[in-house]
Amino acid sequence: MILATLSYIWSFLRLGMSRYTLALGIVALTLYVLQWVRVRRYEQSLFERLGIPYIKPHLIHGSLHTMRGKTLATDILTEWLEKYGDVFGYYIGSKPNIVIKDLELIRQVLVKDFNNFSNRPKLIIEALPVIHCIVGLRDQRWKDVRSVLTPTFSMAKMKLMIGIMNERVDELLGIVSDHNAKEKPLEWYGLFQGLTLDVICECVLAMKRHCQRDQNDDMFFAATRYFLKHAMNPAIHLAIYFDIFAKLFTFISNQLAFSGRMTNMIVSHLKTVLEIRRKDSSKKYIDVLQLMLEAAESQLEPDTKDSVSKSDVKVPNGTNATHEHQSHTSQKSAREGIKKKNLTDDEIIANAWVFLLAGFETSANSLTSTAYLLACYPDIQEKLYQELCEHVEDGYEHMTYETVHKLNYLDQVFAESLRILPPVVTFISRDTNADFQLGKYFIPNDTNILIPVWQIHHDPKLWPEPEKFDPERFSPETKTSETRHPMSYIPFGAGPRGCPGVRFAQLEAKVAIARLLRTHRLETCEQTPIPLTFEMPTVTHIPAKPVILKAIRRE
């Protein structure tokens, strides 16, 4: 009887405790949610407090809810600019972003006051290997790594790469000839993706692929395409909206080594290559990976000369202990400074990896756009062909660096192609390092600034008849007679944080277009999409439909 009574009392207390705990939990959760909403709404009232026009945000999505669906981000930005003017704010989750189209303010951000805007926006997920590349690095470490990487893309280094580019274009022309024999038009975007991936693999990643011919079977080509197509996924959106998920996914990615198939393939391969090359340094390789390796290790001598004077290096006999200790400390500090400037293996691998991501789709876009526009404007294509005939002899196949740089009209064609169809449209952005007065606008610390490249390149005030393909906009005569604002044309960004691989990308594209047009005439056909339509899985415009063109062999 007593035991039954005690059991009943215990059951009653346990039930009561459970209900009490549940009630307490509900109250705590409610208070947390209310506090979260209060903080979120305060963060999303920043632009209202500053008096900057802004898009009214959704509690969770910020302003991204207006970008969802089939509408391109560039179309939304165009609508916003028309409604709110050249400077306005919007939110990604709770993160404040400011769009600036005013060219003088853009120059201030990218060039004049660069030290206040030297960083790109913080990574949503601080995952490997991107945290070690120049996209993810910030402040002084970015400057150190950039100073090591910049010489890798010098004119002298690019002359070493052009042979590989020519060989990959040989393969491209072989595919074009095969289709000619079968009287079949070609899908050019996929073909140019294969070309750019082949070039990057051999010039940067020290691997030889045949993605142009084996697109359906090449695992690496498929993995790269998949990575870029699904880079913005539900996990990324969760991380954008909620900080706790950003931290969780960072932990999963880095601590549990959970990366995509393409990333794992590259990292594993590059670690092996670096190990092999260090074991046998006598063999010379002509690729960006080797140049990064040499550039990183060659920093030792110049930095030593700059950091340590002769008196610090060599201490005379009879020097007192204090002087000797100071000298030793100075040498130690110099060595530590040198170590910080050299690239680590993680940074070499990360920058090779990001070079693939930055160059694969953008270069394919540039080539596809140029080929498409030339097919649609046969008079411009013919003028370019005449220039090629003047500078490239019959039967002369491979292009030299010097020949490419004689082709002035090709320069104009390519520049106008990048104006009318810029490959990257929402990537030129900066993060404020501190509170800053930008013109009449107060920009708080930790605010992202976005430069709307597409809208600048299609502004009729800057570019009359902006939809018209007109290479004469970039002729020497036009440049002499017109005063054009330097920020009115920024396909590769501007200032110290502009694209470091621009010379490589332009050389690859010009070699491909020059050699293709020297032997073939591009024409539209019934399957050609006119006009081109786009989609934006990431920060680039990519063709929404296959870009079909005919390539007719020139007699």
Protein backbone atom coordinates (compact mmCIF):
# COMPACT_ATOMS: atom_id res chain seq x y z
CA MET A 1 0.00 0.00 0.00
CA ILE A 2 2.77 2.38 0.96
CA LEU A 3 4.75 1.50 -2.19
CA ALA A 4 1.68 2.05 -4.38
CA THR A 5 1.11 5.43 -2.77
CA LEU A 6 4.75 6.47 -3.24
CA SER A 7 4.61 5.31 -6.85
CA TYR A 8 1.47 7.37 -7.46
CA ILE A 9 3.06 10.45 -5.86
CA TRP A 10 6.23 10.02 -7.98
CA SER A 11 4.17 9.62 -11.17
CA PHE A 12 2.22 12.76 -10.32
CA LEU A 13 5.42 14.76 -9.63
CA ARG A 14 7.13 13.48 -12.80
CA LEU A 15 4.09 14.42 -14.89
CA GLY A 16 4.00 17.78 -13.24
CA MET A 17 7.73 18.29 -13.78
CA SER A 18 7.38 17.30 -17.45
CA ARG A 19 4.58 19.78 -17.93
CA TYR A 20 6.56 22.41 -16.04
CA THR A 21 9.69 21.75 -18.12
CA LEU A 22 7.69 21.85 -21.33
CA ALA A 23 6.02 25.10 -20.33
CA LEU A 24 9.37 26.57 -19.34
CA GLY A 25 10.86 25.50 -22.66
CA ILE A 26 8.01 27.07 -24.62
CA VAL A 27 8.39 30.32 -22.68
CA ALA A 28 12.17 30.35 -23.25
CA LEU A 29 11.76 29.64 -26.95
CA THR A 30 9.12 32.35 -27.28
CA LEU A 31 11.37 34.89 -25.55
CA TYR A 32 14.29 33.87 -27.80
CA VAL A 33 12.21 34.25 -30.96
CA LEU A 34 10.88 37.63 -29.84
CA GLN A 35 14.41 38.82 -29.07
CA TRP A 36 15.65 37.50 -32.41
CA VAL A 37 12.86 39.33 -34.25
CA ARG A 38 13.61 42.54 -32.32
CA VAL A 39 17.33 42.39 -33.17
CA ARG A 40 16.59 41.43 -36.79
CA ARG A 41 14.21 44.31 -37.29
CA TYR A 42 16.70 46.72 -35.74
CA GLU A 43 19.44 45.47 -38.11
CA GLN A 44 17.05 45.81 -41.05
CA SER A 45 16.26 49.42 -40.14
CA LEU A 46 19.83 50.62 -40.78
CA PHE A 47 19.15 52.35 -44.10
CA GLU A 48 16.02 54.00 -42.69
CA ARG A 49 18.11 55.42 -39.84
CA LEU A 50 20.76 56.63 -42.32
CA GLY A 51 18.25 58.16 -44.74
CA ILE A 52 19.38 55.97 -47.65
CA PRO A 53 16.66 54.73 -50.06
CA TYR A 54 16.18 51.00 -49.63
CA ILE A 55 14.04 48.00 -50.53
CA LYS A 56 11.72 47.03 -47.71
CA PRO A 57 13.04 43.72 -46.35
CA HIS A 58 11.36 40.43 -45.54
CA LEU A 59 12.06 39.38 -41.93
CA ILE A 60 14.00 36.25 -42.95
CA HIS A 61 15.10 36.72 -46.56
CA GLY A 62 15.80 40.43 -46.47
CA SER A 63 15.37 41.70 -50.04
CA LEU A 64 16.23 38.38 -51.67
CA HIS A 65 12.57 37.36 -51.73
CA THR A 66 12.08 39.76 -54.65
CA MET A 67 14.85 37.99 -56.61
CA ARG A 68 13.37 34.52 -56.32
CA GLY A 69 11.80 32.74 -59.26
CA LYS A 70 12.71 33.13 -62.90
CA THR A 71 13.66 36.81 -62.89
CA LEU A 72 17.37 37.50 -63.34
CA ALA A 73 19.16 39.39 -60.58
CA THR A 74 20.33 41.90 -63.20
CA ASP A 75 16.73 42.62 -64.21
CA ILE A 76 15.80 43.22 -60.58
CA LEU A 77 18.79 45.52 -60.09
CA THR A 78 17.75 47.48 -63.19
CA GLU A 79 14.24 47.95 -61.78
CA TRP A 80 15.63 49.03 -58.42
CA LEU A 81 18.03 51.53 -59.99
CA GLU A 82 15.20 53.06 -62.01
CA LYS A 83 13.04 53.32 -58.89
CA TYR A 84 15.55 54.33 -56.20
CA GLY A 85 18.37 56.06 -58.09
CA ASP A 86 22.13 55.49 -58.36
CA VAL A 87 22.64 54.76 -54.65
CA PHE A 88 20.30 52.59 -52.62
CA GLY A 89 20.32 49.83 -50.02
CA TYR A 90 18.97 46.32 -49.78
CA TYR A 91 19.37 43.43 -47.35
CA ILE A 92 20.53 39.85 -47.73
CA GLY A 93 19.01 38.35 -44.62
CA SER A 94 20.04 41.02 -42.14
CA LYS A 95 23.25 41.97 -43.97
CA PRO A 96 23.17 45.54 -45.36
CA ASN A 97 24.23 45.97 -48.99
CA ILE A 98 24.53 49.22 -50.93
CA VAL A 99 24.34 49.41 -54.73
CA ILE A 100 26.41 52.27 -56.18
CA LYS A 101 26.15 53.23 -59.84
CA ASP A 102 27.53 56.78 -59.50
CA LEU A 103 30.88 56.57 -61.34
CA GLU A 104 32.77 59.02 -59.12
CA LEU A 105 31.69 57.15 -56.00
CA ILE A 106 32.70 53.87 -57.67
CA ARG A 107 36.15 55.28 -58.38
CA GLN A 108 36.39 56.34 -54.75
CA VAL A 109 35.53 52.82 -53.57
CA LEU A 110 37.66 50.83 -56.03
CA VAL A 111 40.65 53.16 -56.44
CA LYS A 112 40.97 56.43 -54.52
CA ASP A 113 39.99 55.21 -51.04
CA PHE A 114 40.85 51.58 -51.63
CA ASN A 115 42.32 51.14 -48.14
CA ASN A 116 38.85 51.64 -46.69
CA PHE A 117 37.35 49.10 -49.12
CA SER A 118 40.19 46.64 -49.63
CA ASN A 119 38.25 43.49 -48.72
CA ARG A 120 35.65 41.55 -50.59
CA PRO A 121 32.50 40.65 -48.61
CA LYS A 122 33.05 37.99 -45.98
CA LEU A 123 32.47 34.43 -47.05
CA ILE A 124 29.09 33.02 -46.11
CA ILE A 125 30.67 29.67 -45.27
CA GLU A 126 34.37 29.92 -44.40
CA ALA A 127 35.21 26.62 -46.03
CA LEU A 128 38.44 25.15 -47.33
CA PRO A 129 40.08 25.78 -49.71
CA VAL A 130 38.42 29.12 -50.52
CA ILE A 131 39.47 30.74 -47.22
CA HIS A 132 43.10 30.53 -48.40
CA CYS A 133 42.64 32.06 -51.88
CA ILE A 134 42.67 35.73 -52.88
CA VAL A 135 38.87 35.79 -52.96
CA GLY A 136 38.61 34.70 -49.34
CA LEU A 137 41.74 36.32 -47.88
CA ARG A 138 41.46 39.74 -46.25
CA ASP A 139 43.56 42.68 -45.07
CA GLN A 140 47.34 42.25 -44.93
CA ARG A 141 47.37 38.56 -45.80
CA TRP A 142 45.49 39.29 -49.01
CA LYS A 143 48.07 41.96 -49.89
CA ASP A 144 50.95 39.55 -49.22
CA VAL A 145 49.48 36.77 -51.33
CA ARG A 146 48.44 39.12 -54.12
CA SER A 147 51.98 40.53 -54.31
CA VAL A 148 53.31 37.00 -54.81
CA LEU A 149 50.69 36.03 -57.40
CA THR A 150 50.80 39.17 -59.56
CA PRO A 151 54.14 38.40 -61.29
CA THR A 152 52.73 35.00 -62.26
CA PHE A 153 50.55 36.74 -64.87
CA SER A 154 53.21 39.04 -66.32
CA MET A 155 53.71 39.39 -70.07
CA ALA A 156 56.85 37.24 -69.96
CA LYS A 157 55.00 34.45 -68.15
CA MET A 158 52.06 34.59 -70.57
CA LYS A 159 54.44 34.09 -73.49
CA LEU A 160 55.28 30.73 -71.94
CA MET A 161 51.60 29.76 -71.82
CA ILE A 162 50.60 30.57 -75.39
CA GLY A 163 52.01 27.29 -76.73
CA ILE A 164 49.62 25.28 -74.55
CA MET A 165 46.73 27.54 -75.61
CA ASN A 166 47.53 26.94 -79.27
CA GLU A 167 47.59 23.17 -78.77
CA ARG A 168 44.16 23.21 -77.10
CA VAL A 169 42.80 25.40 -79.92
CA ASP A 170 44.17 22.81 -82.40
CA GLU A 171 41.77 20.35 -80.79
CA LEU A 172 38.92 22.85 -81.01
CA LEU A 173 39.50 23.37 -84.74
CA GLY A 174 39.64 19.62 -85.25
CA ILE A 175 36.17 19.28 -83.70
CA VAL A 176 34.87 22.13 -85.89
CA SER A 177 36.26 20.41 -89.00
CA ASP A 178 34.59 17.12 -88.02
CA HIS A 179 31.22 18.85 -87.77
CA ASN A 180 31.82 20.59 -91.10
CA ALA A 181 32.38 17.23 -92.76
CA LYS A 182 29.01 16.09 -91.41
CA GLU A 183 27.40 19.47 -92.28
CA LYS A 184 26.26 19.86 -88.67
CA PRO A 185 26.10 23.13 -86.71
CA LEU A 186 27.85 23.31 -83.34
CA GLU A 187 26.76 24.10 -79.79
CA TRP A 188 29.43 26.63 -78.86
CA TYR A 189 28.95 27.25 -75.16
CA GLY A 190 29.67 23.63 -74.22
CA LEU A 191 32.55 23.51 -76.69
CA PHE A 192 34.13 26.66 -75.27
CA GLN A 193 33.62 25.33 -71.74
CA GLY A 194 35.63 22.27 -72.80
CA LEU A 195 38.34 24.47 -74.32
CA THR A 196 38.72 26.72 -71.28
CA LEU A 197 38.75 23.76 -68.91
CA ASP A 198 41.40 22.00 -71.02
CA VAL A 199 43.54 25.17 -71.01
CA ILE A 200 43.15 25.78 -67.26
CA CYS A 201 43.84 22.12 -66.42
CA GLU A 202 47.11 22.13 -68.35
CA CYS A 203 48.21 25.72 -67.65
CA VAL A 204 47.22 25.88 -63.98
CA LEU A 205 46.41 22.48 -62.48
CA ALA A 206 49.17 20.40 -64.08
CA MET A 207 46.71 17.90 -65.48
CA LYS A 208 45.96 17.07 -69.09
CA ARG A 209 42.32 16.54 -70.04
CA HIS A 210 40.35 16.32 -73.28
CA CYS A 211 37.11 17.91 -72.15
CA GLN A 212 36.34 19.29 -75.61
CA ARG A 213 36.07 15.83 -77.14
CA ASP A 214 34.94 13.85 -74.10
CA GLN A 215 32.28 16.12 -72.60
CA ASN A 216 29.80 13.29 -72.04
CA ASP A 217 32.34 10.96 -70.43
CA ASP A 218 34.85 13.21 -68.65
CA MET A 219 34.14 12.97 -64.92
CA PHE A 220 36.11 16.11 -64.06
CA PHE A 221 34.26 18.18 -66.66
CA ALA A 222 30.90 16.94 -65.32
CA ALA A 223 31.95 17.62 -61.70
CA THR A 224 33.08 21.18 -62.51
CA ARG A 225 29.85 21.96 -64.34
CA TYR A 226 27.78 20.50 -61.51
CA PHE A 227 29.68 22.48 -58.86
CA LEU A 228 29.02 25.82 -60.56
CA LYS A 229 25.43 25.07 -61.46
CA HIS A 230 24.58 24.14 -57.85
CA ALA A 231 26.86 26.57 -56.02
CA MET A 232 23.80 28.42 -54.70
CA ASN A 233 21.80 25.73 -52.92
CA PRO A 234 19.42 25.45 -49.93
CA ALA A 235 22.34 25.06 -47.51
CA ILE A 236 23.87 28.34 -48.70
CA HIS A 237 20.53 30.11 -48.33
CA LEU A 238 20.15 28.81 -44.79
CA ALA A 239 23.65 30.09 -44.00
CA ILE A 240 22.76 33.49 -45.49
CA TYR A 241 19.63 33.86 -43.38
CA PHE A 242 20.84 32.36 -40.10
CA ASP A 243 24.37 32.75 -38.65
CA ILE A 244 24.08 29.51 -36.69
CA PHE A 245 23.81 27.52 -39.93
CA ALA A 246 26.81 29.34 -41.42
CA LYS A 247 28.89 28.23 -38.42
CA LEU A 248 27.49 24.70 -38.57
CA PHE A 249 28.21 24.25 -42.28
CA THR A 250 31.70 25.73 -41.84
CA PHE A 251 32.40 23.15 -39.15
CA ILE A 252 31.03 20.29 -41.26
CA SER A 253 33.03 21.37 -44.30
CA ASN A 254 36.36 21.93 -42.56
CA GLN A 255 36.40 19.57 -39.58
CA LEU A 256 34.70 16.63 -41.24
CA ALA A 257 36.46 17.22 -44.59
CA PHE A 258 33.14 17.34 -46.40
CA SER A 259 33.79 18.92 -49.80
CA GLY A 260 32.42 18.47 -53.28
CA ARG A 261 33.74 15.86 -55.68
CA MET A 262 35.43 18.44 -57.90
CA THR A 263 37.19 20.13 -54.97
CA ASN A 264 38.42 16.83 -53.55
CA MET A 265 39.78 15.79 -56.95
CA ILE A 266 41.72 19.04 -57.36
CA VAL A 267 43.11 19.24 -53.82
CA SER A 268 44.26 15.62 -53.82
CA HIS A 269 45.87 15.96 -57.25
CA LEU A 270 47.68 19.23 -56.45
CA LYS A 271 49.10 17.91 -53.18
CA THR A 272 50.64 15.03 -55.11
CA VAL A 273 52.02 17.31 -57.83
CA LEU A 274 53.65 19.68 -55.33
CA GLU A 275 55.28 16.76 -53.54
CA ILE A 276 56.66 15.36 -56.80
CA ARG A 277 57.99 18.71 -57.99
CA ARG A 278 59.76 19.43 -54.74
CA LYS A 279 61.48 16.06 -54.85
CA ASP A 280 62.81 16.72 -58.36
CA SER A 281 63.42 20.44 -58.71
CA SER A 282 65.72 19.98 -61.70
CA LYS A 283 62.82 19.47 -64.11
CA LYS A 284 61.22 22.67 -65.36
CA TYR A 285 57.48 22.96 -65.92
CA ILE A 286 55.65 25.65 -67.86
CA ASP A 287 52.43 26.25 -65.96
CA VAL A 288 50.91 28.63 -63.42
CA LEU A 289 51.27 26.10 -60.62
CA GLN A 290 55.04 26.04 -61.11
CA LEU A 291 55.18 29.83 -61.36
CA MET A 292 53.26 30.15 -58.08
CA LEU A 293 55.61 27.68 -56.46
CA GLU A 294 58.69 29.55 -57.71
CA ALA A 295 57.22 32.99 -56.94
CA ALA A 296 56.41 31.94 -53.40
CA GLU A 297 59.85 30.51 -52.69
CA SER A 298 61.74 33.33 -54.45
CA GLN A 299 60.31 35.86 -51.96
CA LEU A 300 62.99 34.84 -49.46
CA GLU A 301 65.94 36.68 -50.96
CA PRO A 302 64.32 40.07 -51.77
CA ASP A 303 62.60 40.24 -48.37
CA THR A 304 65.85 39.42 -46.60
CA LYS A 305 67.59 42.28 -48.38
CA ASP A 306 64.77 44.65 -47.56
CA SER A 307 64.36 43.59 -43.94
CA VAL A 308 67.88 42.93 -42.65
CA SER A 309 70.84 45.29 -43.00
CA LYS A 310 74.42 44.06 -43.29
CA SER A 311 75.13 45.02 -39.69
CA ASP A 312 72.22 42.84 -38.60
CA VAL A 313 73.40 39.83 -40.58
CA LYS A 314 77.08 39.91 -39.65
CA VAL A 315 77.96 40.76 -36.03
CA PRO A 316 81.66 41.77 -35.62
CA ASN A 317 83.83 40.13 -32.99
CA GLY A 318 83.85 41.94 -29.68
CA THR A 319 80.24 43.18 -30.00
CA ASN A 320 78.57 43.36 -26.61
CA ALA A 321 75.81 40.91 -25.67
CA THR A 322 73.05 43.52 -25.92
CA HIS A 323 73.95 44.45 -29.50
CA GLU A 324 74.22 40.77 -30.41
CA HIS A 325 70.82 40.04 -28.88
CA GLN A 326 69.25 42.97 -30.79
CA SER A 327 70.80 41.70 -34.02
CA HIS A 328 69.50 38.18 -33.39
CA THR A 329 66.02 39.56 -32.65
CA SER A 330 66.10 41.63 -35.83
CA GLN A 331 67.07 38.58 -37.91
CA LYS A 332 64.34 36.52 -36.23
CA SER A 333 61.72 39.20 -36.98
CA ALA A 334 62.89 39.37 -40.57
CA ARG A 335 62.60 35.59 -40.94
CA GLU A 336 59.10 35.66 -39.45
CA GLY A 337 58.11 38.42 -41.87
CA ILE A 338 59.48 36.36 -44.77
CA LYS A 339 57.56 33.33 -43.64
CA LYS A 340 54.35 35.31 -43.56
CA LYS A 341 54.84 36.55 -47.13
CA ASN A 342 55.59 33.16 -48.67
CA LEU A 343 52.66 31.16 -49.93
CA THR A 344 51.82 28.06 -47.96
CA ASP A 345 50.89 24.89 -49.84
CA ASP A 346 47.29 25.45 -48.79
CA GLU A 347 47.39 28.90 -50.41
CA ILE A 348 49.00 27.60 -53.62
CA ILE A 349 46.34 24.89 -53.90
CA ALA A 350 43.51 27.28 -53.02
CA ASN A 351 44.56 29.84 -55.63
CA ALA A 352 44.92 27.20 -58.32
CA TRP A 353 41.45 25.96 -57.36
CA VAL A 354 39.88 29.43 -57.49
CA PHE A 355 41.61 30.16 -60.79
CA LEU A 356 39.66 27.25 -62.22
CA LEU A 357 36.37 28.58 -60.84
CA ALA A 358 37.10 32.16 -61.93
CA GLY A 359 38.38 31.28 -65.39
CA PHE A 360 36.28 28.32 -66.52
CA GLU A 361 32.81 29.80 -66.88
CA THR A 362 33.82 33.45 -67.42
CA SER A 363 36.18 32.64 -70.29
CA ALA A 364 33.63 30.30 -71.87
CA ASN A 365 31.03 33.09 -71.57
CA SER A 366 33.35 35.64 -73.20
CA LEU A 367 34.20 33.33 -76.09
CA THR A 368 30.58 32.34 -76.64
CA SER A 369 29.39 35.96 -76.58
CA THR A 370 32.08 37.07 -79.03
CA ALA A 371 31.41 34.22 -81.44
CA TYR A 372 27.65 34.83 -81.24
CA LEU A 373 27.94 38.58 -81.84
CA LEU A 374 30.31 38.10 -84.78
CA ALA A 375 27.87 35.64 -86.36
CA CYS A 376 25.04 38.16 -85.91
CA TYR A 377 27.14 41.02 -87.36
CA PRO A 378 28.81 39.57 -90.50
CA ASP A 379 30.19 42.97 -91.60
CA ILE A 380 32.18 43.26 -88.36
CA GLN A 381 33.31 39.65 -88.71
CA GLU A 382 34.53 40.37 -92.25
CA LYS A 383 36.50 43.43 -91.11
CA LEU A 384 38.14 41.34 -88.39
CA TYR A 385 38.93 38.61 -90.94
CA GLN A 386 40.68 41.16 -93.16
CA GLU A 387 42.86 42.21 -90.23
CA LEU A 388 43.72 38.57 -89.58
CA CYS A 389 44.66 38.09 -93.26
CA GLU A 390 46.95 41.11 -93.01
CA HIS A 391 48.84 39.87 -89.95
CA VAL A 392 48.53 36.08 -90.11
CA GLU A 393 49.99 34.37 -93.17
CA ASP A 394 48.25 31.54 -95.02
CA GLY A 395 49.16 28.18 -93.59
CA TYR A 396 50.52 29.77 -90.41
CA GLU A 397 48.66 27.97 -87.67
CA HIS A 398 49.87 28.83 -84.17
CA MET A 399 49.61 32.42 -82.92
CA THR A 400 52.50 34.12 -81.18
CA TYR A 401 52.10 36.57 -78.33
CA GLU A 402 53.50 39.34 -80.56
CA THR A 403 51.04 38.60 -83.38
CA VAL A 404 48.05 38.66 -81.04
CA HIS A 405 49.05 42.10 -79.80
CA LYS A 406 49.21 43.48 -83.33
CA LEU A 407 45.53 42.71 -83.84
CA ASN A 408 44.04 46.06 -82.84
CA TYR A 409 40.59 45.46 -84.29
CA LEU A 410 40.40 42.13 -82.47
CA ASP A 411 41.07 44.14 -79.30
CA GLN A 412 38.15 46.41 -80.13
CA VAL A 413 35.83 43.48 -80.94
CA PHE A 414 36.67 41.70 -77.72
CA ALA A 415 36.32 44.87 -75.62
CA GLU A 416 32.90 45.61 -77.10
CA SER A 417 31.81 42.01 -76.56
CA LEU A 418 32.73 42.32 -72.87
CA ARG A 419 30.82 45.58 -72.68
CA ILE A 420 27.59 44.37 -74.21
CA LEU A 421 27.70 40.90 -72.61
CA PRO A 422 29.96 41.12 -69.52
CA PRO A 423 30.65 37.61 -68.20
CA VAL A 424 30.51 38.55 -64.50
CA VAL A 425 27.73 40.88 -63.39
CA THR A 426 27.31 40.70 -59.59
CA PHE A 427 30.83 39.91 -58.39
CA ILE A 428 32.48 43.34 -58.17
CA SER A 429 31.76 44.09 -54.53
CA ARG A 430 33.60 45.42 -51.51
CA ASP A 431 33.27 45.34 -47.72
CA THR A 432 33.83 48.48 -45.66
CA ASN A 433 36.70 48.23 -43.15
CA ALA A 434 35.39 51.09 -40.98
CA ASP A 435 32.73 53.78 -40.89
CA PHE A 436 33.24 55.99 -43.96
CA GLN A 437 31.74 59.14 -45.45
CA LEU A 438 31.28 58.38 -49.16
CA GLY A 439 30.17 61.61 -50.79
CA LYS A 440 26.98 62.61 -48.99
CA TYR A 441 26.39 59.06 -47.76
CA PHE A 442 27.54 57.68 -44.42
CA ILE A 443 28.58 54.05 -44.92
CA PRO A 444 28.84 52.06 -41.66
CA ASN A 445 31.54 49.49 -41.00
CA ASP A 446 30.86 45.97 -42.29
CA THR A 447 28.54 47.04 -45.11
CA ASN A 448 28.77 45.38 -48.52
CA ILE A 449 28.99 47.57 -51.63
CA LEU A 450 27.89 46.16 -55.01
CA ILE A 451 28.92 47.71 -58.34
CA PRO A 452 26.21 46.98 -61.00
CA VAL A 453 28.42 46.21 -64.01
CA TRP A 454 25.63 45.21 -66.41
CA GLN A 455 23.70 48.44 -65.80
CA ILE A 456 26.81 50.61 -66.20
CA HIS A 457 27.71 48.90 -69.48
CA HIS A 458 24.15 49.41 -70.79
CA ASP A 459 23.60 52.98 -69.63
CA PRO A 460 22.58 55.02 -72.73
CA LYS A 461 24.07 58.15 -71.14
CA LEU A 462 27.47 56.45 -71.18
CA TRP A 463 27.02 54.24 -74.25
CA PRO A 464 24.64 55.55 -76.96
CA GLU A 465 22.55 52.70 -78.42
CA PRO A 466 23.92 50.36 -75.73
CA GLU A 467 22.40 47.18 -77.24
CA LYS A 468 24.21 47.74 -80.54
CA PHE A 469 27.44 45.80 -81.11
CA ASP A 470 29.89 48.50 -82.22
CA PRO A 471 33.65 47.86 -81.81
CA GLU A 472 34.34 51.42 -83.00
CA ARG A 473 33.52 52.55 -79.45
CA PHE A 474 37.02 51.32 -78.56
CA SER A 475 38.91 52.58 -81.62
CA PRO A 476 41.95 54.83 -81.06
CA GLU A 477 40.07 57.70 -82.73
CA THR A 478 37.09 57.36 -80.39
CA LYS A 479 39.34 57.15 -77.35
CA THR A 480 41.08 60.33 -78.47
CA SER A 481 37.93 62.32 -79.29
CA GLU A 482 35.73 61.21 -76.39
CA THR A 483 36.30 61.68 -72.67
CA ARG A 484 35.08 58.48 -71.12
CA HIS A 485 34.97 57.99 -67.38
CA PRO A 486 37.38 55.19 -66.40
CA MET A 487 34.65 53.45 -64.36
CA SER A 488 32.23 53.30 -67.30
CA TYR A 489 33.89 50.08 -68.52
CA ILE A 490 34.87 47.58 -65.82
CA PRO A 491 34.38 43.98 -67.04
CA PHE A 492 37.31 42.84 -64.87
CA GLY A 493 36.83 45.27 -62.01
CA ALA A 494 39.24 48.10 -61.25
CA GLY A 495 41.85 49.14 -58.73
CA PRO A 496 44.21 46.92 -56.71
CA ARG A 497 41.60 44.20 -56.29
CA GLY A 498 40.81 43.89 -59.99
CA CYS A 499 41.05 40.48 -61.65
CA PRO A 500 44.69 39.27 -61.52
CA GLY A 501 44.17 36.77 -64.35
CA VAL A 502 42.84 39.26 -66.90
CA ARG A 503 45.94 38.97 -69.12
CA PHE A 504 45.64 35.18 -69.19
CA ALA A 505 41.90 35.24 -69.94
CA GLN A 506 42.20 37.77 -72.75
CA LEU A 507 45.12 35.98 -74.37
CA GLU A 508 43.30 32.64 -74.36
CA ALA A 509 40.14 34.17 -75.85
CA LYS A 510 41.97 36.15 -78.53
CA VAL A 511 44.03 33.17 -79.65
CA ALA A 512 40.87 31.06 -79.96
CA ILE A 513 38.80 33.68 -81.82
CA ALA A 514 41.66 34.71 -84.14
CA ARG A 515 42.49 31.16 -85.18
CA LEU A 516 38.83 30.19 -85.54
CA LEU A 517 37.97 33.15 -87.78
CA ARG A 518 41.14 32.81 -89.84
CA THR A 519 39.92 29.43 -91.07
CA HIS A 520 36.11 29.58 -90.62
CA ARG A 521 33.20 31.95 -91.08
CA LEU A 522 30.59 31.93 -88.32
CA GLU A 523 26.93 32.10 -89.30
CA THR A 524 23.58 31.95 -87.54
CA CYS A 525 21.12 29.21 -88.46
CA GLU A 526 17.54 28.17 -87.71
CA GLN A 527 18.52 26.80 -84.27
CA THR A 528 20.39 29.96 -83.22
CA PRO A 529 18.62 31.64 -80.26
CA ILE A 530 17.95 35.26 -81.24
CA PRO A 531 18.20 37.09 -78.94
CA LEU A 532 20.28 35.26 -76.36
CA THR A 533 18.53 34.55 -73.09
CA PHE A 534 20.33 33.95 -69.83
CA GLU A 535 20.17 32.36 -66.41
CA MET A 536 22.26 33.15 -63.32
CA PRO A 537 23.10 30.16 -61.09
CA THR A 538 25.92 32.20 -59.50
CA VAL A 539 27.40 35.65 -60.28
CA THR A 540 27.65 35.10 -64.04
CA HIS A 541 25.24 35.23 -66.94
CA ILE A 542 25.22 31.90 -68.78
CA PRO A 543 23.16 31.06 -71.88
CA ALA A 544 19.76 29.64 -70.98
CA LYS A 545 19.54 27.76 -74.29
CA PRO A 546 22.16 26.02 -76.47
CA VAL A 547 24.09 28.54 -78.58
CA ILE A 548 23.97 26.92 -82.03
CA LEU A 549 26.06 28.42 -84.85
CA LYS A 550 27.42 27.19 -88.15
CA ALA A 551 31.15 27.37 -88.87
CA ILE A 552 31.80 27.40 -92.63
CA ARG A 553 35.32 26.51 -93.78
CA ARG A 554 36.97 29.39 -95.66
CA GLU A 555 38.43 28.53 -99.06
